[in-house]
Amino acid sequence: MKRDKKITQLAKKLVELSKDDNGAVTEAKVSEVLAGLKQVKHRHHLTVLKSYLGYLRREVALQTAVVATPSALSDAALKEIEANYTKLYGRPISAVTNQDTSLIAGVRVRVGDDVYDASVSGRLQRLAENVH
């Protein structure tokens, strides 16, 4: 159990080292961390890497707004979404689109575990749940 706790602490520290001055995980910083790990040769390197990957995925999800829409969004709309969620969360958020024709109209935005649903299908589903 002690080893697992140390590996978890190391993985979390590596994620912090993978962030730039703005608090965003960058490819360049991750490359630096991986190069450093390659030189150190930790005894449980595979376990450390797996743990680091898990925490890194979580951190990237927290800084990414996945915007689901039934049709394409303009670049200006994506930039506005990024600005609004960056302000809301107090950290840099980048937006990516995901086309989902089942939404009918509107948008659904996911940032980490948070989901903001302003779609017609979401409203219809909530309405149906309230009727039953």
C-alpha atoms as a PDB file:
ATOM      1  CA  MET A   1       0.000   0.000   0.000  1.00  0.00           C
ATOM      2  CA  LYS A   2       2.887   2.357   0.789  1.00  0.00           C
ATOM      3  CA  ARG A   3       4.390   1.861  -2.675  1.00  0.00           C
ATOM      4  CA  ASP A   4       1.047   2.631  -4.368  1.00  0.00           C
ATOM      5  CA  LYS A   5       0.701   5.858  -2.394  1.00  0.00           C
ATOM      6  CA  LYS A   6       4.207   6.966  -3.395  1.00  0.00           C
ATOM      7  CA  ILE A   7       3.531   6.145  -7.040  1.00  0.00           C
ATOM      8  CA  THR A   8       0.266   8.110  -6.919  1.00  0.00           C
ATOM      9  CA  GLN A   9       2.043  11.097  -5.374  1.00  0.00           C
ATOM     10  CA  LEU A  10       4.786  10.897  -8.011  1.00  0.00           C
ATOM     11  CA  ALA A  11       2.248  10.664 -10.844  1.00  0.00           C
ATOM     12  CA  LYS A  12       0.357  13.706  -9.543  1.00  0.00           C
ATOM     13  CA  LYS A  13       3.610  15.668  -9.248  1.00  0.00           C
ATOM     14  CA  LEU A  14       4.512  14.693 -12.816  1.00  0.00           C
ATOM     15  CA  VAL A  15       1.153  16.050 -14.003  1.00  0.00           C
ATOM     16  CA  GLU A  16       1.877  19.340 -12.232  1.00  0.00           C
ATOM     17  CA  LEU A  17       5.263  19.455 -13.977  1.00  0.00           C
ATOM     18  CA  SER A  18       3.445  18.878 -17.295  1.00  0.00           C
ATOM     19  CA  LYS A  19       1.633  22.226 -16.996  1.00  0.00           C
ATOM     20  CA  ASP A  20       2.812  25.513 -18.457  1.00  0.00           C
ATOM     21  CA  ASP A  21       2.737  28.899 -16.692  1.00  0.00           C
ATOM     22  CA  ASN A  22      -1.000  29.234 -17.441  1.00  0.00           C
ATOM     23  CA  GLY A  23      -1.803  25.905 -15.788  1.00  0.00           C
ATOM     24  CA  ALA A  24      -2.504  24.046 -19.036  1.00  0.00           C
ATOM     25  CA  VAL A  25      -0.977  20.674 -19.900  1.00  0.00           C
ATOM     26  CA  THR A  26       1.134  21.069 -23.034  1.00  0.00           C
ATOM     27  CA  GLU A  27       2.767  18.574 -25.337  1.00  0.00           C
ATOM     28  CA  ALA A  28       6.165  20.210 -24.843  1.00  0.00           C
ATOM     29  CA  LYS A  29       5.964  19.897 -21.044  1.00  0.00           C
ATOM     30  CA  VAL A  30       4.797  16.283 -21.251  1.00  0.00           C
ATOM     31  CA  SER A  31       7.758  15.523 -23.539  1.00  0.00           C
ATOM     32  CA  GLU A  32      10.120  17.077 -20.978  1.00  0.00           C
ATOM     33  CA  VAL A  33       8.616  14.983 -18.174  1.00  0.00           C
ATOM     34  CA  LEU A  34       8.856  11.786 -20.223  1.00  0.00           C
ATOM     35  CA  ALA A  35      12.478  12.560 -21.152  1.00  0.00           C
ATOM     36  CA  GLY A  36      13.254  13.054 -17.461  1.00  0.00           C
ATOM     37  CA  LEU A  37      11.554   9.790 -16.551  1.00  0.00           C
ATOM     38  CA  LYS A  38      13.556   7.990 -19.222  1.00  0.00           C
ATOM     39  CA  GLN A  39      16.801   9.172 -17.625  1.00  0.00           C
ATOM     40  CA  VAL A  40      15.782   8.322 -14.038  1.00  0.00           C
ATOM     41  CA  LYS A  41      14.747   4.675 -14.621  1.00  0.00           C
ATOM     42  CA  HIS A  42      12.308   4.288 -11.713  1.00  0.00           C
ATOM     43  CA  ARG A  43      12.098   0.762 -10.309  1.00  0.00           C
ATOM     44  CA  HIS A  44       8.346   0.560 -11.007  1.00  0.00           C
ATOM     45  CA  HIS A  45       8.486   2.598 -14.216  1.00  0.00           C
ATOM     46  CA  LEU A  46       5.533   0.915 -15.929  1.00  0.00           C
ATOM     47  CA  THR A  47       3.250   1.439 -12.923  1.00  0.00           C
ATOM     48  CA  VAL A  48       4.378   5.072 -12.663  1.00  0.00           C
ATOM     49  CA  LEU A  49       3.704   5.640 -16.373  1.00  0.00           C
ATOM     50  CA  LYS A  50       0.240   4.068 -16.172  1.00  0.00           C
ATOM     51  CA  SER A  51      -0.665   6.184 -13.172  1.00  0.00           C
ATOM     52  CA  TYR A  52       0.754   9.311 -14.836  1.00  0.00           C
ATOM     53  CA  LEU A  53      -1.275   8.595 -17.977  1.00  0.00           C
ATOM     54  CA  GLY A  54      -4.484   8.234 -15.965  1.00  0.00           C
ATOM     55  CA  TYR A  55      -3.991  11.522 -14.121  1.00  0.00           C
ATOM     56  CA  LEU A  56      -2.857  13.231 -17.325  1.00  0.00           C
ATOM     57  CA  ARG A  57      -6.027  12.130 -19.148  1.00  0.00           C
ATOM     58  CA  ARG A  58      -8.133  13.475 -16.299  1.00  0.00           C
ATOM     59  CA  GLU A  59      -6.300  16.814 -16.362  1.00  0.00           C
ATOM     60  CA  VAL A  60      -6.666  17.156 -20.147  1.00  0.00           C
ATOM     61  CA  ALA A  61     -10.415  16.413 -19.835  1.00  0.00           C
ATOM     62  CA  LEU A  62     -10.679  19.174 -17.225  1.00  0.00           C
ATOM     63  CA  GLN A  63      -9.173  21.700 -19.622  1.00  0.00           C
ATOM     64  CA  THR A  64     -11.189  20.651 -22.679  1.00  0.00           C
ATOM     65  CA  ALA A  65     -14.772  21.601 -23.499  1.00  0.00           C
ATOM     66  CA  VAL A  66     -16.255  18.969 -25.810  1.00  0.00           C
ATOM     67  CA  VAL A  67     -19.064  20.752 -27.645  1.00  0.00           C
ATOM     68  CA  ALA A  68     -21.654  18.436 -29.199  1.00  0.00           C
ATOM     69  CA  THR A  69     -23.859  20.054 -31.845  1.00  0.00           C
ATOM     70  CA  PRO A  70     -26.128  18.725 -34.610  1.00  0.00           C
ATOM     71  CA  SER A  71     -24.214  20.832 -37.167  1.00  0.00           C
ATOM     72  CA  ALA A  72     -20.857  22.587 -37.436  1.00  0.00           C
ATOM     73  CA  LEU A  73     -20.055  25.658 -35.320  1.00  0.00           C
ATOM     74  CA  SER A  74     -18.176  28.715 -36.526  1.00  0.00           C
ATOM     75  CA  ASP A  75     -14.687  29.463 -35.242  1.00  0.00           C
ATOM     76  CA  ALA A  76     -16.035  32.607 -33.574  1.00  0.00           C
ATOM     77  CA  ALA A  77     -18.616  30.562 -31.648  1.00  0.00           C
ATOM     78  CA  LEU A  78     -15.918  28.127 -30.490  1.00  0.00           C
ATOM     79  CA  LYS A  79     -13.707  31.001 -29.343  1.00  0.00           C
ATOM     80  CA  GLU A  80     -16.630  32.478 -27.401  1.00  0.00           C
ATOM     81  CA  ILE A  81     -17.308  29.106 -25.749  1.00  0.00           C
ATOM     82  CA  GLU A  82     -13.624  28.844 -24.806  1.00  0.00           C
ATOM     83  CA  ALA A  83     -13.668  32.360 -23.327  1.00  0.00           C
ATOM     84  CA  ASN A  84     -16.873  31.732 -21.343  1.00  0.00           C
ATOM     85  CA  TYR A  85     -15.720  28.417 -19.863  1.00  0.00           C
ATOM     86  CA  THR A  86     -12.223  29.768 -19.156  1.00  0.00           C
ATOM     87  CA  LYS A  87     -13.853  32.557 -17.168  1.00  0.00           C
ATOM     88  CA  LEU A  88     -16.299  30.167 -15.453  1.00  0.00           C
ATOM     89  CA  TYR A  89     -13.622  27.677 -14.355  1.00  0.00           C
ATOM     90  CA  GLY A  90     -10.779  30.134 -13.806  1.00  0.00           C
ATOM     91  CA  ARG A  91      -8.379  28.056 -15.891  1.00  0.00           C
ATOM     92  CA  PRO A  92      -7.624  27.776 -19.624  1.00  0.00           C
ATOM     93  CA  ILE A  93     -10.273  25.757 -21.465  1.00  0.00           C
ATOM     94  CA  SER A  94      -9.982  24.760 -25.122  1.00  0.00           C
ATOM     95  CA  ALA A  95     -13.053  23.777 -27.113  1.00  0.00           C
ATOM     96  CA  VAL A  96     -13.383  20.914 -29.571  1.00  0.00           C
ATOM     97  CA  THR A  97     -16.502  20.033 -31.540  1.00  0.00           C
ATOM     98  CA  ASN A  98     -18.264  16.717 -31.844  1.00  0.00           C
ATOM     99  CA  GLN A  99     -21.132  16.427 -34.310  1.00  0.00           C
ATOM    100  CA  ASP A 100     -24.176  14.681 -32.819  1.00  0.00           C
ATOM    101  CA  THR A 101     -27.293  14.668 -34.990  1.00  0.00           C
ATOM    102  CA  SER A 102     -29.401  13.180 -32.183  1.00  0.00           C
ATOM    103  CA  LEU A 103     -29.448  16.561 -30.417  1.00  0.00           C
ATOM    104  CA  ILE A 104     -31.973  17.974 -32.967  1.00  0.00           C
ATOM    105  CA  ALA A 105     -30.914  21.569 -32.120  1.00  0.00           C
ATOM    106  CA  GLY A 106     -28.854  23.326 -29.451  1.00  0.00           C
ATOM    107  CA  VAL A 107     -25.600  22.254 -27.809  1.00  0.00           C
ATOM    108  CA  ARG A 108     -24.260  19.981 -25.095  1.00  0.00           C
ATOM    109  CA  VAL A 109     -20.923  20.896 -23.526  1.00  0.00           C
ATOM    110  CA  ARG A 110     -18.831  18.535 -21.394  1.00  0.00           C
ATOM    111  CA  VAL A 111     -15.892  19.774 -19.317  1.00  0.00           C
ATOM    112  CA  GLY A 112     -14.430  16.915 -17.316  1.00  0.00           C
ATOM    113  CA  ASP A 113     -17.405  15.400 -15.458  1.00  0.00           C
ATOM    114  CA  ASP A 114     -19.597  18.508 -15.836  1.00  0.00           C
ATOM    115  CA  VAL A 115     -22.247  18.451 -18.572  1.00  0.00           C
ATOM    116  CA  TYR A 116     -24.161  21.540 -19.692  1.00  0.00           C
ATOM    117  CA  ASP A 117     -27.111  20.537 -21.862  1.00  0.00           C
ATOM    118  CA  ALA A 118     -28.940  23.208 -23.853  1.00  0.00           C
ATOM    119  CA  SER A 119     -30.232  20.894 -26.572  1.00  0.00           C
ATOM    120  CA  VAL A 120     -33.789  20.247 -27.684  1.00  0.00           C
ATOM    121  CA  SER A 121     -33.416  16.498 -27.144  1.00  0.00           C
ATOM    122  CA  GLY A 122     -32.082  17.131 -23.622  1.00  0.00           C
ATOM    123  CA  ARG A 123     -35.028  19.368 -22.807  1.00  0.00           C
ATOM    124  CA  LEU A 124     -37.486  16.817 -24.184  1.00  0.00           C
ATOM    125  CA  GLN A 125     -35.858  14.079 -22.121  1.00  0.00           C
ATOM    126  CA  ARG A 126     -36.040  16.175 -18.927  1.00  0.00           C
ATOM    127  CA  LEU A 127     -39.682  17.001 -19.706  1.00  0.00           C
ATOM    128  CA  ALA A 128     -40.485  13.307 -20.191  1.00  0.00           C
ATOM    129  CA  GLU A 129     -38.793  12.451 -16.869  1.00  0.00           C
ATOM    130  CA  ASN A 130     -40.855  15.080 -15.066  1.00  0.00           C
ATOM    131  CA  VAL A 131     -44.129  13.742 -16.528  1.00  0.00           C
ATOM    132  CA  HIS A 132     -43.563  10.189 -15.247  1.00  0.00           C
END
